[in-house]
Amino acid sequence: MAQDARPQQGPRSLLAVLNSDGKAHPVENTLVAVTIVLGAIAFVSSAFHHLHLLSSWSGLAGILTGAWGQFISATTGERFLLIIGLGAAAIGFFLGMAHGGLFGGVLG
């Protein structure tokens, strides 16, 4: 088989995965990092009922940055990580909304 004839490569760096086309994508990579961080914050904070403001706002911001990142992404690695971050942000957003929403009952 052809894949067995290739020499084994060591682990690739994260930037090599994100920039698999050989070009630098600083804006896209920044959006990936921001989406992952916001998604993680939203997902983890959604487990705590009293942190609904944090989870809903960080989830909303993660959804927006992830959607924009998907729109301008250039490689499959970027798209893969954006979908992971988008999923975590969406779960955090929806659970934050279920626990009290974006404004926490201030308006109503």
PDB file of N, CA and C in Angstrom:
ATOM      1  N   MET A   1       0.826  -1.171   0.000  1.00  0.00           N
ATOM      2  CA  MET A   1       0.000   0.000   0.000  1.00  0.00           C
ATOM      3  C   MET A   1       0.873   1.238   0.000  1.00  0.00           C
ATOM      4  N   ALA A   2       0.368   2.272  -0.622  1.00  0.00           N
ATOM      5  CA  ALA A   2       1.147   3.498  -0.770  1.00  0.00           C
ATOM      6  C   ALA A   2       1.409   4.189   0.554  1.00  0.00           C
ATOM      7  N   GLN A   3       0.442   4.163   1.461  1.00  0.00           N
ATOM      8  CA  GLN A   3       0.649   4.851   2.729  1.00  0.00           C
ATOM      9  C   GLN A   3       1.693   4.152   3.591  1.00  0.00           C
ATOM     10  N   ASP A   4       1.924   2.861   3.382  1.00  0.00           N
ATOM     11  CA  ASP A   4       2.947   2.161   4.137  1.00  0.00           C
ATOM     12  C   ASP A   4       4.344   2.485   3.644  1.00  0.00           C
ATOM     13  N   ALA A   5       4.467   2.950   2.413  1.00  0.00           N
ATOM     14  CA  ALA A   5       5.771   3.259   1.842  1.00  0.00           C
ATOM     15  C   ALA A   5       6.295   4.624   2.277  1.00  0.00           C
ATOM     16  N   ARG A   6       5.401   5.474   2.784  1.00  0.00           N
ATOM     17  CA  ARG A   6       5.835   6.797   3.236  1.00  0.00           C
ATOM     18  C   ARG A   6       6.610   6.694   4.530  1.00  0.00           C
ATOM     19  N   PRO A   7       7.618   7.530   4.707  1.00  0.00           N
ATOM     20  CA  PRO A   7       8.328   7.518   5.988  1.00  0.00           C
ATOM     21  C   PRO A   7       7.430   8.049   7.093  1.00  0.00           C
ATOM     22  N   GLN A   8       7.594   7.491   8.275  1.00  0.00           N
ATOM     23  CA  GLN A   8       6.786   7.913   9.407  1.00  0.00           C
ATOM     24  C   GLN A   8       7.201   9.304   9.852  1.00  0.00           C
ATOM     25  N   GLN A   9       6.228  10.145  10.106  1.00  0.00           N
ATOM     26  CA  GLN A   9       6.494  11.498  10.560  1.00  0.00           C
ATOM     27  C   GLN A   9       6.189  11.582  12.045  1.00  0.00           C
ATOM     28  N   GLY A  10       6.892  12.488  12.718  1.00  0.00           N
ATOM     29  CA  GLY A  10       6.639  12.728  14.136  1.00  0.00           C
ATOM     30  C   GLY A  10       5.366  13.535  14.302  1.00  0.00           C
ATOM     31  N   PRO A  11       5.032  13.881  15.524  1.00  0.00           N
ATOM     32  CA  PRO A  11       3.831  14.689  15.753  1.00  0.00           C
ATOM     33  C   PRO A  11       3.963  16.068  15.127  1.00  0.00           C
ATOM     34  N   ARG A  12       2.886  16.530  14.544  1.00  0.00           N
ATOM     35  CA  ARG A  12       2.884  17.838  13.897  1.00  0.00           C
ATOM     36  C   ARG A  12       2.452  18.892  14.899  1.00  0.00           C
ATOM     37  N   SER A  13       2.956  20.103  14.716  1.00  0.00           N
ATOM     38  CA  SER A  13       2.547  21.184  15.602  1.00  0.00           C
ATOM     39  C   SER A  13       1.145  21.658  15.226  1.00  0.00           C
ATOM     40  N   LEU A  14       0.532  22.389  16.145  1.00  0.00           N
ATOM     41  CA  LEU A  14      -0.819  22.881  15.905  1.00  0.00           C
ATOM     42  C   LEU A  14      -0.849  23.850  14.726  1.00  0.00           C
ATOM     43  N   LEU A  15       0.169  24.692  14.610  1.00  0.00           N
ATOM     44  CA  LEU A  15       0.203  25.621  13.479  1.00  0.00           C
ATOM     45  C   LEU A  15       0.360  24.891  12.153  1.00  0.00           C
ATOM     46  N   ALA A  16       1.068  23.760  12.156  1.00  0.00           N
ATOM     47  CA  ALA A  16       1.192  22.981  10.924  1.00  0.00           C
ATOM     48  C   ALA A  16      -0.155  22.391  10.525  1.00  0.00           C
ATOM     49  N   VAL A  17      -0.960  22.043  11.504  1.00  0.00           N
ATOM     50  CA  VAL A  17      -2.300  21.512  11.208  1.00  0.00           C
ATOM     51  C   VAL A  17      -3.208  22.625  10.707  1.00  0.00           C
ATOM     52  N   LEU A  18      -3.148  23.798  11.365  1.00  0.00           N
ATOM     53  CA  LEU A  18      -4.016  24.906  10.962  1.00  0.00           C
ATOM     54  C   LEU A  18      -3.604  25.490   9.618  1.00  0.00           C
ATOM     55  N   ASN A  19      -2.313  25.547   9.356  1.00  0.00           N
ATOM     56  CA  ASN A  19      -1.809  26.125   8.107  1.00  0.00           C
ATOM     57  C   ASN A  19      -1.336  25.016   7.181  1.00  0.00           C
ATOM     58  N   SER A  20      -2.185  24.050   6.925  1.00  0.00           N
ATOM     59  CA  SER A  20      -1.793  22.883   6.138  1.00  0.00           C
ATOM     60  C   SER A  20      -1.530  23.200   4.670  1.00  0.00           C
ATOM     61  N   ASP A  21      -1.927  24.370   4.215  1.00  0.00           N
ATOM     62  CA  ASP A  21      -1.648  24.747   2.833  1.00  0.00           C
ATOM     63  C   ASP A  21      -0.302  25.448   2.680  1.00  0.00           C
ATOM     64  N   GLY A  22       0.433  25.595   3.774  1.00  0.00           N
ATOM     65  CA  GLY A  22       1.758  26.199   3.712  1.00  0.00           C
ATOM     66  C   GLY A  22       1.779  27.708   3.827  1.00  0.00           C
ATOM     67  N   LYS A  23       0.623  28.329   3.949  1.00  0.00           N
ATOM     68  CA  LYS A  23       0.540  29.784   4.077  1.00  0.00           C
ATOM     69  C   LYS A  23       0.130  30.141   5.499  1.00  0.00           C
ATOM     70  N   ALA A  24       0.537  31.320   5.941  1.00  0.00           N
ATOM     71  CA  ALA A  24       0.139  31.792   7.264  1.00  0.00           C
ATOM     72  C   ALA A  24      -1.267  32.393   7.196  1.00  0.00           C
ATOM     73  N   HIS A  25      -2.066  32.097   8.206  1.00  0.00           N
ATOM     74  CA  HIS A  25      -3.431  32.632   8.301  1.00  0.00           C
ATOM     75  C   HIS A  25      -3.621  33.215   9.696  1.00  0.00           C
ATOM     76  N   PRO A  26      -3.039  34.369   9.982  1.00  0.00           N
ATOM     77  CA  PRO A  26      -3.106  34.885  11.359  1.00  0.00           C
ATOM     78  C   PRO A  26      -4.519  35.249  11.817  1.00  0.00           C
ATOM     79  N   VAL A  27      -5.323  35.806  10.944  1.00  0.00           N
ATOM     80  CA  VAL A  27      -6.686  36.193  11.339  1.00  0.00           C
ATOM     81  C   VAL A  27      -7.525  34.944  11.603  1.00  0.00           C
ATOM     82  N   GLU A  28      -7.458  33.983  10.702  1.00  0.00           N
ATOM     83  CA  GLU A  28      -8.234  32.768  10.857  1.00  0.00           C
ATOM     84  C   GLU A  28      -7.794  31.986  12.096  1.00  0.00           C
ATOM     85  N   ASN A  29      -6.483  31.905  12.328  1.00  0.00           N
ATOM     86  CA  ASN A  29      -5.985  31.186  13.500  1.00  0.00           C
ATOM     87  C   ASN A  29      -6.390  31.880  14.795  1.00  0.00           C
ATOM     88  N   THR A  30      -6.428  33.200  14.783  1.00  0.00           N
ATOM     89  CA  THR A  30      -6.885  33.938  15.963  1.00  0.00           C
ATOM     90  C   THR A  30      -8.360  33.665  16.230  1.00  0.00           C
ATOM     91  N   LEU A  31      -9.157  33.634  15.199  1.00  0.00           N
ATOM     92  CA  LEU A  31     -10.579  33.320  15.370  1.00  0.00           C
ATOM     93  C   LEU A  31     -10.770  31.900  15.901  1.00  0.00           C
ATOM     94  N   VAL A  32      -9.937  30.976  15.452  1.00  0.00           N
ATOM     95  CA  VAL A  32     -10.003  29.610  15.976  1.00  0.00           C
ATOM     96  C   VAL A  32      -9.714  29.607  17.472  1.00  0.00           C
ATOM     97  N   ALA A  33      -8.643  30.278  17.874  1.00  0.00           N
ATOM     98  CA  ALA A  33      -8.256  30.301  19.287  1.00  0.00           C
ATOM     99  C   ALA A  33      -9.327  30.974  20.145  1.00  0.00           C
ATOM    100  N   VAL A  34      -9.863  32.098  19.678  1.00  0.00           N
ATOM    101  CA  VAL A  34     -10.889  32.813  20.433  1.00  0.00           C
ATOM    102  C   VAL A  34     -12.153  31.969  20.555  1.00  0.00           C
ATOM    103  N   THR A  35     -12.536  31.295  19.483  1.00  0.00           N
ATOM    104  CA  THR A  35     -13.730  30.458  19.513  1.00  0.00           C
ATOM    105  C   THR A  35     -13.556  29.287  20.472  1.00  0.00           C
ATOM    106  N   ILE A  36     -12.391  28.659  20.460  1.00  0.00           N
ATOM    107  CA  ILE A  36     -12.129  27.537  21.368  1.00  0.00           C
ATOM    108  C   ILE A  36     -12.187  28.008  22.819  1.00  0.00           C
ATOM    109  N   VAL A  37     -11.554  29.142  23.124  1.00  0.00           N
ATOM    110  CA  VAL A  37     -11.534  29.652  24.497  1.00  0.00           C
ATOM    111  C   VAL A  37     -12.944  30.041  24.952  1.00  0.00           C
ATOM    112  N   LEU A  38     -13.659  30.777  24.124  1.00  0.00           N
ATOM    113  CA  LEU A  38     -15.022  31.177  24.486  1.00  0.00           C
ATOM    114  C   LEU A  38     -15.944  29.964  24.618  1.00  0.00           C
ATOM    115  N   GLY A  39     -15.787  28.993  23.746  1.00  0.00           N
ATOM    116  CA  GLY A  39     -16.587  27.775  23.835  1.00  0.00           C
ATOM    117  C   GLY A  39     -16.304  27.005  25.107  1.00  0.00           C
ATOM    118  N   ALA A  40     -15.032  26.929  25.496  1.00  0.00           N
ATOM    119  CA  ALA A  40     -14.676  26.228  26.732  1.00  0.00           C
ATOM    120  C   ALA A  40     -15.238  26.962  27.953  1.00  0.00           C
ATOM    121  N   ILE A  41     -15.128  28.283  27.960  1.00  0.00           N
ATOM    122  CA  ILE A  41     -15.680  29.063  29.078  1.00  0.00           C
ATOM    123  C   ILE A  41     -17.188  28.877  29.164  1.00  0.00           C
ATOM    124  N   ALA A  42     -17.873  28.973  28.035  1.00  0.00           N
ATOM    125  CA  ALA A  42     -19.330  28.833  28.025  1.00  0.00           C
ATOM    126  C   ALA A  42     -19.751  27.428  28.459  1.00  0.00           C
ATOM    127  N   PHE A  43     -19.051  26.421  27.963  1.00  0.00           N
ATOM    128  CA  PHE A  43     -19.416  25.041  28.272  1.00  0.00           C
ATOM    129  C   PHE A  43     -19.218  24.730  29.754  1.00  0.00           C
ATOM    130  N   VAL A  44     -18.072  25.113  30.286  1.00  0.00           N
ATOM    131  CA  VAL A  44     -17.777  24.808  31.688  1.00  0.00           C
ATOM    132  C   VAL A  44     -18.670  25.622  32.624  1.00  0.00           C
ATOM    133  N   SER A  45     -18.851  26.903  32.327  1.00  0.00           N
ATOM    134  CA  SER A  45     -19.664  27.733  33.225  1.00  0.00           C
ATOM    135  C   SER A  45     -21.149  27.397  33.148  1.00  0.00           C
ATOM    136  N   SER A  46     -21.584  26.739  32.091  1.00  0.00           N
ATOM    137  CA  SER A  46     -22.996  26.378  31.997  1.00  0.00           C
ATOM    138  C   SER A  46     -23.375  25.268  32.974  1.00  0.00           C
ATOM    139  N   ALA A  47     -22.398  24.593  33.541  1.00  0.00           N
ATOM    140  CA  ALA A  47     -22.682  23.558  34.523  1.00  0.00           C
ATOM    141  C   ALA A  47     -23.106  24.156  35.870  1.00  0.00           C
ATOM    142  N   PHE A  48     -22.870  25.444  36.054  1.00  0.00           N
ATOM    143  CA  PHE A  48     -23.202  26.115  37.304  1.00  0.00           C
ATOM    144  C   PHE A  48     -24.350  27.094  37.054  1.00  0.00           C
ATOM    145  N   HIS A  49     -25.451  26.863  37.730  1.00  0.00           N
ATOM    146  CA  HIS A  49     -26.679  27.630  37.503  1.00  0.00           C
ATOM    147  C   HIS A  49     -26.478  29.132  37.713  1.00  0.00           C
ATOM    148  N   HIS A  50     -25.699  29.521  38.700  1.00  0.00           N
ATOM    149  CA  HIS A  50     -25.533  30.938  39.028  1.00  0.00           C
ATOM    150  C   HIS A  50     -24.576  31.663  38.075  1.00  0.00           C
ATOM    151  N   LEU A  51     -23.933  30.958  37.159  1.00  0.00           N
ATOM    152  CA  LEU A  51     -23.036  31.586  36.185  1.00  0.00           C
ATOM    153  C   LEU A  51     -23.692  31.722  34.807  1.00  0.00           C
ATOM    154  N   HIS A  52     -25.015  31.855  34.794  1.00  0.00           N
ATOM    155  CA  HIS A  52     -25.728  31.904  33.514  1.00  0.00           C
ATOM    156  C   HIS A  52     -25.356  33.138  32.690  1.00  0.00           C
ATOM    157  N   LEU A  53     -25.032  34.256  33.342  1.00  0.00           N
ATOM    158  CA  LEU A  53     -24.621  35.436  32.568  1.00  0.00           C
ATOM    159  C   LEU A  53     -23.321  35.174  31.827  1.00  0.00           C
ATOM    160  N   LEU A  54     -22.353  34.574  32.510  1.00  0.00           N
ATOM    161  CA  LEU A  54     -21.072  34.261  31.879  1.00  0.00           C
ATOM    162  C   LEU A  54     -21.245  33.252  30.752  1.00  0.00           C
ATOM    163  N   SER A  55     -21.998  32.198  30.998  1.00  0.00           N
ATOM    164  CA  SER A  55     -22.145  31.166  29.970  1.00  0.00           C
ATOM    165  C   SER A  55     -22.942  31.664  28.769  1.00  0.00           C
ATOM    166  N   SER A  56     -23.970  32.450  28.999  1.00  0.00           N
ATOM    167  CA  SER A  56     -24.768  32.911  27.857  1.00  0.00           C
ATOM    168  C   SER A  56     -24.024  33.949  27.025  1.00  0.00           C
ATOM    169  N   TRP A  57     -23.337  34.900  27.667  1.00  0.00           N
ATOM    170  CA  TRP A  57     -22.613  35.913  26.899  1.00  0.00           C
ATOM    171  C   TRP A  57     -21.378  35.339  26.207  1.00  0.00           C
ATOM    172  N   SER A  58     -20.626  34.488  26.901  1.00  0.00           N
ATOM    173  CA  SER A  58     -19.454  33.898  26.246  1.00  0.00           C
ATOM    174  C   SER A  58     -19.889  32.925  25.154  1.00  0.00           C
ATOM    175  N   GLY A  59     -21.003  32.247  25.356  1.00  0.00           N
ATOM    176  CA  GLY A  59     -21.525  31.376  24.307  1.00  0.00           C
ATOM    177  C   GLY A  59     -21.956  32.150  23.075  1.00  0.00           C
ATOM    178  N   LEU A  60     -22.631  33.276  23.290  1.00  0.00           N
ATOM    179  CA  LEU A  60     -23.047  34.102  22.158  1.00  0.00           C
ATOM    180  C   LEU A  60     -21.840  34.649  21.402  1.00  0.00           C
ATOM    181  N   ALA A  61     -20.848  35.136  22.142  1.00  0.00           N
ATOM    182  CA  ALA A  61     -19.634  35.641  21.486  1.00  0.00           C
ATOM    183  C   ALA A  61     -18.908  34.516  20.758  1.00  0.00           C
ATOM    184  N   GLY A  62     -18.872  33.320  21.351  1.00  0.00           N
ATOM    185  CA  GLY A  62     -18.231  32.179  20.693  1.00  0.00           C
ATOM    186  C   GLY A  62     -18.948  31.752  19.425  1.00  0.00           C
ATOM    187  N   ILE A  63     -20.268  31.821  19.456  1.00  0.00           N
ATOM    188  CA  ILE A  63     -21.040  31.483  18.249  1.00  0.00           C
ATOM    189  C   ILE A  63     -20.747  32.486  17.133  1.00  0.00           C
ATOM    190  N   LEU A  64     -20.705  33.763  17.477  1.00  0.00           N
ATOM    191  CA  LEU A  64     -20.455  34.795  16.461  1.00  0.00           C
ATOM    192  C   LEU A  64     -19.037  34.700  15.890  1.00  0.00           C
ATOM    193  N   THR A  65     -18.035  34.531  16.765  1.00  0.00           N
ATOM    194  CA  THR A  65     -16.663  34.426  16.252  1.00  0.00           C
ATOM    195  C   THR A  65     -16.467  33.135  15.469  1.00  0.00           C
ATOM    196  N   GLY A  66     -17.093  32.055  15.927  1.00  0.00           N
ATOM    197  CA  GLY A  66     -16.982  30.796  15.200  1.00  0.00           C
ATOM    198  C   GLY A  66     -17.656  30.839  13.839  1.00  0.00           C
ATOM    199  N   ALA A  67     -18.801  31.504  13.773  1.00  0.00           N
ATOM    200  CA  ALA A  67     -19.493  31.631  12.483  1.00  0.00           C
ATOM    201  C   ALA A  67     -18.671  32.466  11.506  1.00  0.00           C
ATOM    202  N   TRP A  68     -18.093  33.551  11.999  1.00  0.00           N
ATOM    203  CA  TRP A  68     -17.260  34.376  11.121  1.00  0.00           C
ATOM    204  C   TRP A  68     -16.004  33.606  10.708  1.00  0.00           C
ATOM    205  N   GLY A  69     -15.440  32.850  11.639  1.00  0.00           N
ATOM    206  CA  GLY A  69     -14.269  32.035  11.318  1.00  0.00           C
ATOM    207  C   GLY A  69     -14.581  30.988  10.267  1.00  0.00           C
ATOM    208  N   GLN A  70     -15.755  30.374  10.344  1.00  0.00           N
ATOM    209  CA  GLN A  70     -16.157  29.411   9.321  1.00  0.00           C
ATOM    210  C   GLN A  70     -16.295  30.093   7.961  1.00  0.00           C
ATOM    211  N   PHE A  71     -16.787  31.306   7.977  1.00  0.00           N
ATOM    212  CA  PHE A  71     -16.997  32.040   6.731  1.00  0.00           C
ATOM    213  C   PHE A  71     -15.681  32.332   6.018  1.00  0.00           C
ATOM    214  N   ILE A  72     -14.612  32.643   6.783  1.00  0.00           N
ATOM    215  CA  ILE A  72     -13.352  33.030   6.141  1.00  0.00           C
ATOM    216  C   ILE A  72     -12.256  31.974   6.276  1.00  0.00           C
ATOM    217  N   SER A  73     -12.567  30.797   6.821  1.00  0.00           N
ATOM    218  CA  SER A  73     -11.532  29.781   7.027  1.00  0.00           C
ATOM    219  C   SER A  73     -10.959  29.305   5.701  1.00  0.00           C
ATOM    220  N   ALA A  74      -9.678  28.883   5.774  1.00  0.00           N
ATOM    221  CA  ALA A  74      -8.981  28.499   4.561  1.00  0.00           C
ATOM    222  C   ALA A  74      -8.592  27.026   4.528  1.00  0.00           C
ATOM    223  N   THR A  75      -8.492  26.372   5.676  1.00  0.00           N
ATOM    224  CA  THR A  75      -8.045  24.982   5.709  1.00  0.00           C
ATOM    225  C   THR A  75      -9.029  24.115   6.491  1.00  0.00           C
ATOM    226  N   THR A  76      -8.909  22.818   6.294  1.00  0.00           N
ATOM    227  CA  THR A  76      -9.769  21.867   6.984  1.00  0.00           C
ATOM    228  C   THR A  76      -9.481  21.840   8.483  1.00  0.00           C
ATOM    229  N   GLY A  77      -8.221  21.996   8.870  1.00  0.00           N
ATOM    230  CA  GLY A  77      -7.879  22.024  10.287  1.00  0.00           C
ATOM    231  C   GLY A  77      -8.556  23.167  11.025  1.00  0.00           C
ATOM    232  N   GLU A  78      -8.596  24.325  10.390  1.00  0.00           N
ATOM    233  CA  GLU A  78      -9.290  25.471  10.979  1.00  0.00           C
ATOM    234  C   GLU A  78     -10.770  25.175  11.131  1.00  0.00           C
ATOM    235  N   ARG A  79     -11.368  24.622  10.102  1.00  0.00           N
ATOM    236  CA  ARG A  79     -12.803  24.330  10.144  1.00  0.00           C
ATOM    237  C   ARG A  79     -13.131  23.286  11.203  1.00  0.00           C
ATOM    238  N   PHE A  80     -12.265  22.289  11.351  1.00  0.00           N
ATOM    239  CA  PHE A  80     -12.488  21.242  12.342  1.00  0.00           C
ATOM    240  C   PHE A  80     -12.509  21.830  13.752  1.00  0.00           C
ATOM    241  N   LEU A  81     -11.512  22.623  14.088  1.00  0.00           N
ATOM    242  CA  LEU A  81     -11.447  23.207  15.426  1.00  0.00           C
ATOM    243  C   LEU A  81     -12.543  24.242  15.643  1.00  0.00           C
ATOM    244  N   LEU A  82     -12.931  24.955  14.593  1.00  0.00           N
ATOM    245  CA  LEU A  82     -14.027  25.910  14.725  1.00  0.00           C
ATOM    246  C   LEU A  82     -15.340  25.212  15.053  1.00  0.00           C
ATOM    247  N   ILE A  83     -15.584  24.063  14.455  1.00  0.00           N
ATOM    248  CA  ILE A  83     -16.818  23.326  14.735  1.00  0.00           C
ATOM    249  C   ILE A  83     -16.827  22.830  16.179  1.00  0.00           C
ATOM    250  N   ILE A  84     -15.666  22.388  16.693  1.00  0.00           N
ATOM    251  CA  ILE A  84     -15.585  21.965  18.088  1.00  0.00           C
ATOM    252  C   ILE A  84     -15.914  23.147  19.002  1.00  0.00           C
ATOM    253  N   GLY A  85     -15.296  24.300  18.749  1.00  0.00           N
ATOM    254  CA  GLY A  85     -15.557  25.488  19.554  1.00  0.00           C
ATOM    255  C   GLY A  85     -16.980  25.983  19.416  1.00  0.00           C
ATOM    256  N   LEU A  86     -17.522  25.938  18.208  1.00  0.00           N
ATOM    257  CA  LEU A  86     -18.907  26.351  17.990  1.00  0.00           C
ATOM    258  C   LEU A  86     -19.880  25.461  18.749  1.00  0.00           C
ATOM    259  N   GLY A  87     -19.647  24.167  18.744  1.00  0.00           N
ATOM    260  CA  GLY A  87     -20.518  23.251  19.467  1.00  0.00           C
ATOM    261  C   GLY A  87     -20.509  23.517  20.961  1.00  0.00           C
ATOM    262  N   ALA A  88     -19.317  23.708  21.525  1.00  0.00           N
ATOM    263  CA  ALA A  88     -19.213  23.995  22.959  1.00  0.00           C
ATOM    264  C   ALA A  88     -19.860  25.331  23.291  1.00  0.00           C
ATOM    265  N   ALA A  89     -19.646  26.340  22.439  1.00  0.00           N
ATOM    266  CA  ALA A  89     -20.247  27.654  22.673  1.00  0.00           C
ATOM    267  C   ALA A  89     -21.767  27.587  22.587  1.00  0.00           C
ATOM    268  N   ALA A  90     -22.282  26.826  21.637  1.00  0.00           N
ATOM    269  CA  ALA A  90     -23.735  26.713  21.487  1.00  0.00           C
ATOM    270  C   ALA A  90     -24.361  26.004  22.679  1.00  0.00           C
ATOM    271  N   ILE A  91     -23.737  24.938  23.149  1.00  0.00           N
ATOM    272  CA  ILE A  91     -24.267  24.243  24.330  1.00  0.00           C
ATOM    273  C   ILE A  91     -24.249  25.177  25.534  1.00  0.00           C
ATOM    274  N   GLY A  92     -23.128  25.881  25.736  1.00  0.00           N
ATOM    275  CA  GLY A  92     -23.043  26.824  26.844  1.00  0.00           C
ATOM    276  C   GLY A  92     -24.059  27.945  26.728  1.00  0.00           C
ATOM    277  N   PHE A  93     -24.242  28.455  25.508  1.00  0.00           N
ATOM    278  CA  PHE A  93     -25.213  29.523  25.286  1.00  0.00           C
ATOM    279  C   PHE A  93     -26.631  29.062  25.619  1.00  0.00           C
ATOM    280  N   PHE A  94     -27.021  27.913  25.092  1.00  0.00           N
ATOM    281  CA  PHE A  94     -28.388  27.452  25.304  1.00  0.00           C
ATOM    282  C   PHE A  94     -28.650  27.084  26.759  1.00  0.00           C
ATOM    283  N   LEU A  95     -27.686  26.473  27.432  1.00  0.00           N
ATOM    284  CA  LEU A  95     -27.876  26.180  28.850  1.00  0.00           C
ATOM    285  C   LEU A  95     -27.877  27.459  29.678  1.00  0.00           C
ATOM    286  N   GLY A  96     -27.057  28.429  29.304  1.00  0.00           N
ATOM    287  CA  GLY A  96     -27.082  29.721  29.986  1.00  0.00           C
ATOM    288  C   GLY A  96     -28.416  30.425  29.804  1.00  0.00           C
ATOM    289  N   MET A  97     -28.981  30.326  28.619  1.00  0.00           N
ATOM    290  CA  MET A  97     -30.297  30.909  28.382  1.00  0.00           C
ATOM    291  C   MET A  97     -31.365  30.184  29.208  1.00  0.00           C
ATOM    292  N   ALA A  98     -31.246  28.892  29.344  1.00  0.00           N
ATOM    293  CA  ALA A  98     -32.222  28.134  30.127  1.00  0.00           C
ATOM    294  C   ALA A  98     -32.113  28.442  31.620  1.00  0.00           C
ATOM    295  N   HIS A  99     -30.913  28.808  32.068  1.00  0.00           N
ATOM    296  CA  HIS A  99     -30.707  29.088  33.496  1.00  0.00           C
ATOM    297  C   HIS A  99     -31.014  30.532  33.881  1.00  0.00           C
ATOM    298  N   GLY A 100     -31.250  31.397  32.927  1.00  0.00           N
ATOM    299  CA  GLY A 100     -31.574  32.777  33.313  1.00  0.00           C
ATOM    300  C   GLY A 100     -31.358  33.792  32.216  1.00  0.00           C
ATOM    301  N   GLY A 101     -30.665  33.432  31.174  1.00  0.00           N
ATOM    302  CA  GLY A 101     -30.551  34.305  30.028  1.00  0.00           C
ATOM    303  C   GLY A 101     -29.416  35.304  30.074  1.00  0.00           C
ATOM    304  N   LEU A 102     -29.434  36.189  29.090  1.00  0.00           N
ATOM    305  CA  LEU A 102     -28.375  37.177  28.900  1.00  0.00           C
ATOM    306  C   LEU A 102     -28.419  38.296  29.925  1.00  0.00           C
ATOM    307  N   PHE A 103     -29.577  38.601  30.445  1.00  0.00           N
ATOM    308  CA  PHE A 103     -29.711  39.724  31.355  1.00  0.00           C
ATOM    309  C   PHE A 103     -30.096  39.318  32.763  1.00  0.00           C
ATOM    310  N   GLY A 104     -30.364  38.048  32.997  1.00  0.00           N
ATOM    311  CA  GLY A 104     -30.605  37.529  34.331  1.00  0.00           C
ATOM    312  C   GLY A 104     -31.818  38.096  35.029  1.00  0.00           C
ATOM    313  N   GLY A 105     -32.858  38.434  34.317  1.00  0.00           N
ATOM    314  CA  GLY A 105     -34.058  38.932  34.941  1.00  0.00           C
ATOM    315  C   GLY A 105     -33.985  40.419  35.291  1.00  0.00           C
ATOM    316  N   VAL A 106     -32.960  41.118  34.845  1.00  0.00           N
ATOM    317  CA  VAL A 106     -32.825  42.546  35.145  1.00  0.00           C
ATOM    318  C   VAL A 106     -33.910  43.349  34.432  1.00  0.00           C
ATOM    319  N   LEU A 107     -34.239  42.936  33.227  1.00  0.00           N
ATOM    320  CA  LEU A 107     -35.179  43.707  32.421  1.00  0.00           C
ATOM    321  C   LEU A 107     -36.639  43.355  32.692  1.00  0.00           C
ATOM    322  N   GLY A 108     -36.881  42.221  33.301  1.00  0.00           N
ATOM    323  CA  GLY A 108     -38.279  41.852  33.420  1.00  0.00           C
ATOM    324  C   GLY A 108     -38.714  41.335  34.682  1.00  0.00           C
TER     325      GLY A 108
END
